[in-house]
Amino acid sequence: MNPSDPGDALRVLLALAPSDMAETLVTLARRVGALDMVAYLADFEQAMLFPIPDRGVHVEMPEGEAVDGSPAGRTFTERRPITDSSGDVVRHWVPVLEGSECTGVLMLTFADELNPDMVLLSEELGMVVGAIIAITARQTDLFNALRRRRSMSLPASMQWDLLPPLHITTPEGSSTGLLVPAYDVGGDSFDHAVNGFTMDVAIMDAMGHGLGSSLTSALAMGSYRHDRREGQPLAAMHKGLDSVLSDRFQGKAFVTGQLGQLDLGSGQLDWVNAGHPRPLLMRKGEVVDQLMCRASLPWGLHGELLEQARVALEPGDTVVFYSDGVVDGRSVERGVFGLDRLVALIEEAAVSRAAPDLILRQTLDKVARFQGERIRDDATMLWLEWRPDR
């Protein structure tokens, strides 16, 4: 293969079997001067990084790495290369990027210090690995199984299959979502997509728990995506959701949620609210307001759309959507988690200028710890940024 020929590279990627991935990666690593390379993927909770299994081609196959407190974890959370030259060999970690989402890291081992060309090629390998995973993920359960630290409930498995990439970005803005508990989630979901100069976002919470709420959520998300892809306006998407759920469940099941459309050119955010907690507006690292929109009935209760709200964002603004499981969690000693704690947590994290996915993970980790690691309701957050000056 001629590595400079995009056609040759693409043909190799398309023909690559998942079982050949580890051997192919090691071959590529040696072409850039590395002795070895191991690819890690983050688990669904984004707490651990697990090496993709091989067929004995690595010099040494390491164990999983914790995201907190490891060079691999720092590379994953900060999305930047990290080099350790303290041992007999040089270890170099680079992010694995599937489009705009960081899903893991590569660990490359070198005999000597890296030169600038080797650093650049290593980063490009991270993108190649991301492309390989994206292309082959529909052909195998390898990557999905690897990301599971423990057995996952059927409702949770269904919900994760529904989810989009956790992070999407454009030059003007980004959207990042996360939900917990990762292995037993039922009714919560979110979605985001970039269509032209519009970023569409949605957050939903189906009533109840378990398989029933997961099925309700799947129907709601399917209705939303169908109407969005048909180019329907927000009001029509809202009406479609209510009609589909009302016809199917006759008022015995419903979904709360919000739909939004951000104009990436002007910063205008249009949104509707179906009985869901009001989102927060962050500006310059502080929560300055809760966005106002007259709440319509949840989808599935034969309600009318009462208001389509509009807000003009300023460059750098962030809108934080969340489900009631974030603020309604209870502790025996400290009562309800509450909105004030949520505001304090995200403002504290924003000061550190951490990446949105890290902010959400840290926040939801603290929501879980507040409840003694026993979350009684799904907790979901969606972080929408408008940064036209980036």
Protein backbone atom coordinates (compact mmCIF):
# COMPACT_ATOMS: atom_id res chain seq x y z
CA MET A 1 0.00 0.00 0.00
CA ASN A 2 1.19 3.48 -0.84
CA PRO A 3 0.45 5.43 2.38
CA SER A 4 0.24 8.70 0.45
CA ASP A 5 -2.50 7.40 -1.87
CA PRO A 6 -5.96 8.06 -0.33
CA GLY A 7 -7.54 5.48 -2.62
CA ASP A 8 -5.17 2.73 -1.45
CA ALA A 9 -5.71 3.68 2.18
CA LEU A 10 -9.48 3.67 1.80
CA ARG A 11 -9.48 0.26 0.08
CA VAL A 12 -7.43 -1.21 2.93
CA LEU A 13 -9.80 0.24 5.54
CA LEU A 14 -12.90 -1.03 3.78
CA ALA A 15 -11.45 -4.53 3.43
CA LEU A 16 -10.15 -4.76 6.99
CA ALA A 17 -11.75 -7.45 9.17
CA PRO A 18 -12.14 -6.62 12.89
CA SER A 19 -10.02 -9.63 13.81
CA ASP A 20 -7.13 -8.21 11.76
CA MET A 21 -7.21 -4.82 13.47
CA ALA A 22 -4.52 -5.39 16.11
CA GLU A 23 -2.01 -6.85 13.62
CA THR A 24 -2.67 -4.03 11.16
CA LEU A 25 -2.17 -1.40 13.87
CA VAL A 26 1.15 -2.84 14.95
CA THR A 27 2.31 -2.88 11.31
CA LEU A 28 1.32 0.77 10.93
CA ALA A 29 3.02 1.66 14.20
CA ARG A 30 6.31 0.14 13.10
CA ARG A 31 6.16 2.17 9.89
CA VAL A 32 6.31 5.34 11.99
CA GLY A 33 9.20 4.01 14.08
CA ALA A 34 7.31 2.58 17.07
CA LEU A 35 8.22 -0.75 18.63
CA ASP A 36 4.61 -1.48 19.50
CA MET A 37 1.15 0.08 19.72
CA VAL A 38 -1.92 -0.76 21.81
CA ALA A 39 -5.37 0.73 21.19
CA TYR A 40 -7.67 1.39 24.14
CA LEU A 41 -11.41 2.09 24.15
CA ALA A 42 -13.31 3.87 26.93
CA ASP A 43 -16.08 1.96 28.67
CA PHE A 44 -19.67 3.25 28.66
CA GLU A 45 -19.17 5.08 31.96
CA GLN A 46 -15.95 6.65 30.62
CA ALA A 47 -14.22 5.56 33.82
CA MET A 48 -11.86 2.91 32.36
CA LEU A 49 -9.85 2.40 29.18
CA PHE A 50 -9.58 -1.20 27.98
CA PRO A 51 -7.05 -2.49 25.39
CA ILE A 52 -8.53 -3.98 22.24
CA PRO A 53 -7.68 -7.71 22.37
CA ASP A 54 -5.18 -9.14 19.92
CA ARG A 55 -3.88 -12.47 18.65
CA GLY A 56 -0.47 -12.26 20.30
CA VAL A 57 1.09 -9.61 18.10
CA HIS A 58 2.03 -7.16 20.87
CA VAL A 59 5.30 -7.08 22.74
CA GLU A 60 3.36 -6.67 25.98
CA MET A 61 -0.41 -6.46 26.42
CA PRO A 62 -1.26 -4.11 29.32
CA GLU A 63 -4.24 -4.20 31.63
CA GLY A 64 -7.02 -1.63 31.59
CA GLU A 65 -6.22 1.92 32.67
CA ALA A 66 -8.36 4.11 34.92
CA VAL A 67 -9.34 7.38 33.27
CA ASP A 68 -8.60 9.23 36.51
CA GLY A 69 -4.92 9.41 37.38
CA SER A 70 -3.25 7.78 34.37
CA PRO A 71 -1.42 9.16 31.31
CA ALA A 72 -3.88 7.32 29.09
CA GLY A 73 -6.76 8.91 30.99
CA ARG A 74 -5.26 12.39 30.70
CA THR A 75 -4.90 11.93 26.96
CA PHE A 76 -8.52 10.79 26.77
CA THR A 77 -10.00 13.62 28.85
CA GLU A 78 -7.75 16.41 27.56
CA ARG A 79 -7.68 15.16 23.94
CA ARG A 80 -3.97 15.82 23.56
CA PRO A 81 -0.82 13.70 23.24
CA ILE A 82 1.20 12.90 26.37
CA THR A 83 4.75 11.49 26.42
CA ASP A 84 6.52 9.65 29.26
CA SER A 85 10.30 9.29 28.87
CA SER A 86 11.03 8.19 32.43
CA GLY A 87 11.64 4.46 31.73
CA ASP A 88 13.79 2.34 29.45
CA VAL A 89 11.49 3.19 26.54
CA VAL A 90 9.42 6.21 25.54
CA ARG A 91 5.64 5.86 25.90
CA HIS A 92 3.52 8.17 23.77
CA TRP A 93 -0.28 8.37 24.12
CA VAL A 94 -2.51 9.97 21.47
CA PRO A 95 -6.33 10.31 21.25
CA VAL A 96 -8.43 7.96 19.13
CA LEU A 97 -10.87 10.18 17.24
CA GLU A 98 -14.05 8.93 15.58
CA GLY A 99 -15.01 12.11 13.79
CA SER A 100 -15.30 14.75 16.50
CA GLU A 101 -15.68 12.23 19.34
CA CYS A 102 -12.74 10.90 21.35
CA THR A 103 -13.49 7.23 22.09
CA GLY A 104 -10.13 5.98 23.29
CA VAL A 105 -6.34 6.34 23.12
CA LEU A 106 -3.31 4.75 21.49
CA MET A 107 -0.19 3.87 23.44
CA LEU A 108 2.89 3.80 21.21
CA THR A 109 6.25 2.55 22.47
CA PHE A 110 9.48 4.02 21.04
CA ALA A 111 13.11 3.18 21.70
CA ASP A 112 14.22 6.83 21.62
CA GLU A 113 12.85 10.33 21.86
CA LEU A 114 10.31 11.31 19.21
CA ASN A 115 11.03 13.79 16.46
CA PRO A 116 8.29 16.18 15.19
CA ASP A 117 7.46 13.94 12.22
CA MET A 118 6.91 10.94 14.49
CA VAL A 119 4.66 13.02 16.76
CA LEU A 120 2.53 14.13 13.80
CA LEU A 121 2.30 10.61 12.36
CA SER A 122 1.30 9.25 15.77
CA GLU A 123 -1.60 11.72 15.98
CA GLU A 124 -2.67 10.77 12.47
CA LEU A 125 -2.66 7.11 13.51
CA GLY A 126 -5.19 8.03 16.20
CA MET A 127 -7.49 9.29 13.47
CA VAL A 128 -6.85 6.16 11.36
CA VAL A 129 -7.80 3.92 14.30
CA GLY A 130 -10.96 5.97 14.82
CA ALA A 131 -11.85 5.48 11.16
CA ILE A 132 -11.23 1.73 11.39
CA ILE A 133 -13.50 1.45 14.42
CA ALA A 134 -16.22 3.57 12.81
CA ILE A 135 -16.14 1.49 9.62
CA THR A 136 -16.04 -1.94 11.25
CA ALA A 137 -18.26 -1.34 14.31
CA ARG A 138 -21.40 -2.46 12.45
CA GLN A 139 -19.71 -5.73 11.49
CA THR A 140 -18.77 -6.91 14.97
CA ASP A 141 -19.74 -6.84 18.65
CA LEU A 142 -16.08 -6.66 19.65
CA PHE A 143 -15.99 -2.95 20.42
CA ASN A 144 -19.37 -2.86 22.14
CA ALA A 145 -18.47 -5.84 24.33
CA LEU A 146 -15.11 -4.33 25.18
CA ARG A 147 -16.76 -1.14 26.44
CA ARG A 148 -18.87 -3.06 28.98
CA ARG A 149 -17.24 -3.32 32.39
CA ARG A 150 -20.09 -5.55 33.54
CA SER A 151 -23.35 -7.02 32.32
CA MET A 152 -25.77 -4.48 30.88
CA SER A 153 -29.55 -4.66 31.28
CA LEU A 154 -31.67 -5.12 28.16
CA PRO A 155 -33.26 -1.61 28.48
CA ALA A 156 -29.81 -0.03 28.83
CA SER A 157 -28.48 -1.94 25.82
CA MET A 158 -31.43 -0.73 23.76
CA GLN A 159 -30.92 2.87 24.87
CA TRP A 160 -27.21 2.90 24.06
CA ASP A 161 -27.96 1.53 20.60
CA LEU A 162 -30.30 4.51 20.11
CA LEU A 163 -27.77 7.14 21.15
CA PRO A 164 -25.79 9.24 18.67
CA PRO A 165 -22.07 9.98 19.17
CA LEU A 166 -21.69 11.55 22.60
CA HIS A 167 -19.98 14.61 21.09
CA ILE A 168 -20.47 16.44 17.80
CA THR A 169 -18.81 19.66 16.75
CA THR A 170 -18.56 22.25 14.00
CA PRO A 171 -16.31 25.32 13.78
CA GLU A 172 -19.16 27.37 15.31
CA GLY A 173 -20.51 25.12 18.04
CA SER A 174 -20.71 21.75 19.70
CA SER A 175 -23.11 19.46 21.54
CA THR A 176 -22.13 16.88 24.15
CA GLY A 177 -24.41 14.43 25.95
CA LEU A 178 -24.04 11.84 28.68
CA LEU A 179 -26.39 9.67 30.73
CA VAL A 180 -26.12 7.47 33.82
CA PRO A 181 -26.39 4.83 35.11
CA ALA A 182 -24.67 3.48 32.02
CA TYR A 183 -25.51 -0.17 32.64
CA ASP A 184 -29.12 0.08 33.80
CA VAL A 185 -30.55 3.17 32.10
CA GLY A 186 -34.13 2.87 30.91
CA GLY A 187 -36.11 5.85 29.71
CA ASP A 188 -33.70 8.75 29.24
CA SER A 189 -32.19 9.60 25.87
CA PHE A 190 -30.78 12.49 23.87
CA ASP A 191 -29.96 13.26 20.28
CA HIS A 192 -28.06 15.85 18.28
CA ALA A 193 -27.23 16.37 14.62
CA VAL A 194 -25.79 19.06 12.36
CA ASN A 195 -27.91 19.85 9.32
CA GLY A 196 -26.49 22.65 7.20
CA PHE A 197 -26.10 25.68 9.46
CA THR A 198 -28.46 24.24 12.09
CA MET A 199 -27.59 22.13 15.12
CA ASP A 200 -30.61 20.09 16.21
CA VAL A 201 -30.76 18.83 19.81
CA ALA A 202 -33.24 16.81 21.83
CA ILE A 203 -33.48 15.44 25.36
CA MET A 204 -36.20 12.99 26.45
CA ASP A 205 -37.34 11.19 29.60
CA ALA A 206 -39.91 8.40 29.22
CA MET A 207 -42.13 7.68 32.22
CA GLY A 208 -41.39 4.67 34.37
CA HIS A 209 -38.40 2.35 34.41
CA GLY A 210 -37.19 -0.79 32.74
CA LEU A 211 -38.15 -2.28 29.42
CA GLY A 212 -41.46 -0.41 29.12
CA SER A 213 -39.86 3.01 29.37
CA SER A 214 -37.09 1.95 26.98
CA LEU A 215 -39.67 0.94 24.36
CA THR A 216 -41.55 4.22 24.85
CA SER A 217 -38.30 6.14 24.50
CA ALA A 218 -37.40 4.26 21.31
CA LEU A 219 -40.74 5.15 19.73
CA ALA A 220 -40.38 8.81 20.73
CA MET A 221 -36.84 9.04 19.38
CA GLY A 222 -37.86 7.32 16.17
CA SER A 223 -40.70 9.81 15.64
CA TYR A 224 -38.40 12.77 16.31
CA ARG A 225 -35.68 11.59 13.93
CA HIS A 226 -38.19 10.75 11.22
CA ASP A 227 -39.74 14.23 11.28
CA ARG A 228 -36.38 15.96 11.60
CA ARG A 229 -35.04 14.11 8.57
CA GLU A 230 -38.19 15.05 6.67
CA GLY A 231 -37.29 18.70 7.29
CA GLN A 232 -40.26 19.36 9.57
CA PRO A 233 -40.22 22.51 11.75
CA LEU A 234 -40.11 22.28 15.55
CA ALA A 235 -43.87 22.68 15.97
CA ALA A 236 -44.53 19.79 13.60
CA MET A 237 -41.97 17.57 15.33
CA HIS A 238 -43.63 18.32 18.66
CA LYS A 239 -47.08 17.51 17.25
CA GLY A 240 -45.79 14.33 15.62
CA LEU A 241 -44.31 13.09 18.87
CA ASP A 242 -47.52 13.71 20.77
CA SER A 243 -49.66 12.04 18.10
CA VAL A 244 -47.51 8.93 17.80
CA LEU A 245 -47.33 8.34 21.54
CA SER A 246 -51.00 9.22 22.13
CA ASP A 247 -52.17 6.84 19.41
CA ARG A 248 -49.96 4.01 20.65
CA PHE A 249 -50.45 4.30 24.42
CA GLN A 250 -53.81 6.10 24.75
CA GLY A 251 -52.52 8.34 27.53
CA LYS A 252 -51.07 5.47 29.59
CA ALA A 253 -47.47 6.38 28.80
CA PHE A 254 -45.80 9.70 28.11
CA VAL A 255 -42.42 11.33 27.53
CA THR A 256 -41.17 14.68 28.79
CA GLY A 257 -38.50 16.49 26.85
CA GLN A 258 -37.23 19.43 24.88
CA LEU A 259 -36.38 19.97 21.22
CA GLY A 260 -34.08 22.74 20.04
CA GLN A 261 -32.60 24.18 16.87
CA LEU A 262 -29.51 26.40 17.06
CA ASP A 263 -28.70 28.63 14.10
CA LEU A 264 -24.91 28.34 13.98
CA GLY A 265 -24.60 31.59 12.07
CA SER A 266 -26.65 33.91 14.28
CA GLY A 267 -26.76 32.08 17.62
CA GLN A 268 -30.56 32.05 17.63
CA LEU A 269 -31.92 29.09 19.60
CA ASP A 270 -35.53 28.04 19.02
CA TRP A 271 -36.91 25.42 21.39
CA VAL A 272 -40.04 23.76 22.74
CA ASN A 273 -40.67 22.26 26.15
CA ALA A 274 -42.87 19.24 26.86
CA GLY A 275 -43.06 19.22 30.66
CA HIS A 276 -39.29 19.04 31.20
CA PRO A 277 -37.00 20.94 33.65
CA ARG A 278 -35.97 24.35 32.31
CA PRO A 279 -32.43 24.42 30.84
CA LEU A 280 -29.67 26.63 32.22
CA LEU A 281 -27.93 29.44 30.35
CA MET A 282 -24.21 29.78 31.09
CA ARG A 283 -22.27 32.89 30.16
CA LYS A 284 -18.58 33.50 30.92
CA GLY A 285 -18.47 30.50 33.24
CA GLU A 286 -21.55 31.41 35.30
CA VAL A 287 -25.16 30.30 35.19
CA VAL A 288 -26.99 33.55 34.50
CA ASP A 289 -30.53 32.32 33.96
CA GLN A 290 -32.99 29.51 33.37
CA LEU A 291 -34.43 29.66 29.88
CA MET A 292 -38.14 30.44 29.79
CA CYS A 293 -40.67 28.56 27.68
CA ARG A 294 -44.26 27.87 28.65
CA ALA A 295 -44.35 24.12 29.26
CA SER A 296 -46.70 22.07 27.12
CA LEU A 297 -48.02 18.73 28.34
CA PRO A 298 -45.63 15.79 27.97
CA TRP A 299 -45.79 14.01 24.61
CA GLY A 300 -48.47 11.33 24.62
CA LEU A 301 -51.14 13.19 26.64
CA HIS A 302 -53.01 14.83 23.70
CA GLY A 303 -51.59 18.27 24.51
CA GLU A 304 -51.20 21.33 22.30
CA LEU A 305 -47.95 23.20 21.80
CA LEU A 306 -48.26 26.23 24.08
CA GLU A 307 -45.11 28.09 23.08
CA GLN A 308 -42.07 27.93 20.81
CA ALA A 309 -39.46 30.00 22.62
CA ARG A 310 -36.54 31.88 21.09
CA VAL A 311 -33.35 33.10 22.73
CA ALA A 312 -30.44 35.02 21.21
CA LEU A 313 -27.20 33.49 22.45
CA GLU A 314 -24.01 35.49 22.78
CA PRO A 315 -20.69 34.10 21.53
CA GLY A 316 -19.35 31.67 24.10
CA ASP A 317 -22.75 30.90 25.64
CA THR A 318 -23.67 27.39 26.75
CA VAL A 319 -27.15 25.95 27.25
CA VAL A 320 -27.29 23.01 29.68
CA PHE A 321 -30.25 20.67 29.26
CA TYR A 322 -30.85 18.02 31.94
CA SER A 323 -33.41 15.45 33.06
CA ASP A 324 -35.10 15.47 36.45
CA GLY A 325 -32.95 12.54 37.56
CA VAL A 326 -30.04 14.97 37.87
CA VAL A 327 -31.67 17.26 40.44
CA ASP A 328 -34.24 14.97 42.10
CA GLY A 329 -31.78 12.42 43.46
CA ARG A 330 -31.92 12.01 47.23
CA SER A 331 -29.46 11.33 50.01
CA VAL A 332 -30.59 10.06 53.42
CA GLU A 333 -28.35 12.56 55.16
CA ARG A 334 -28.57 15.58 52.81
CA GLY A 335 -32.02 15.43 51.23
CA VAL A 336 -32.58 16.33 47.57
CA PHE A 337 -29.60 17.06 45.31
CA GLY A 338 -31.36 20.13 43.93
CA LEU A 339 -30.72 22.80 41.34
CA ASP A 340 -28.32 24.85 43.49
CA ARG A 341 -25.86 21.96 43.75
CA LEU A 342 -26.04 21.39 40.01
CA VAL A 343 -25.33 25.06 39.28
CA ALA A 344 -22.38 25.08 41.71
CA LEU A 345 -20.88 21.95 40.16
CA ILE A 346 -21.01 23.08 36.55
CA GLU A 347 -19.75 26.58 37.40
CA GLU A 348 -16.82 25.07 39.29
CA ALA A 349 -16.02 22.77 36.36
CA ALA A 350 -16.38 25.60 33.83
CA VAL A 351 -13.71 27.65 35.62
CA SER A 352 -11.21 24.87 34.95
CA ARG A 353 -11.92 25.16 31.20
CA ALA A 354 -12.33 21.39 31.04
CA ALA A 355 -13.80 19.77 27.95
CA PRO A 356 -17.62 19.45 28.02
CA ASP A 357 -17.55 15.64 28.19
CA LEU A 358 -15.28 15.81 31.24
CA ILE A 359 -17.56 18.40 32.88
CA LEU A 360 -20.58 16.15 32.35
CA ARG A 361 -18.80 13.04 33.57
CA GLN A 362 -17.56 14.75 36.73
CA THR A 363 -20.99 16.25 37.39
CA LEU A 364 -22.89 13.00 36.94
CA ASP A 365 -20.29 11.13 39.02
CA LYS A 366 -21.05 13.53 41.89
CA VAL A 367 -24.79 13.09 41.35
CA ALA A 368 -24.26 9.33 41.76
CA ARG A 369 -22.02 9.71 44.82
CA PHE A 370 -24.58 12.01 46.44
CA GLN A 371 -27.06 9.10 46.28
CA GLY A 372 -24.56 6.56 47.57
CA GLU A 373 -23.87 5.25 44.03
CA ARG A 374 -27.48 4.01 43.84
CA ILE A 375 -29.18 6.23 41.27
CA ARG A 376 -32.93 5.63 41.41
CA ASP A 377 -33.74 7.50 38.21
CA ASP A 378 -31.84 8.02 34.96
CA ALA A 379 -29.79 11.21 34.90
CA THR A 380 -29.00 12.83 31.54
CA MET A 381 -27.28 16.06 30.54
CA LEU A 382 -26.74 17.79 27.20
CA TRP A 383 -24.20 20.61 26.86
CA LEU A 384 -24.82 22.91 23.84
CA GLU A 385 -22.17 25.55 23.07
CA TRP A 386 -22.17 28.38 20.54
CA ARG A 387 -18.64 29.61 19.81
CA PRO A 388 -18.61 31.34 16.41
CA ASP A 389 -15.25 32.98 17.19
CA ARG A 390 -13.48 29.64 17.75
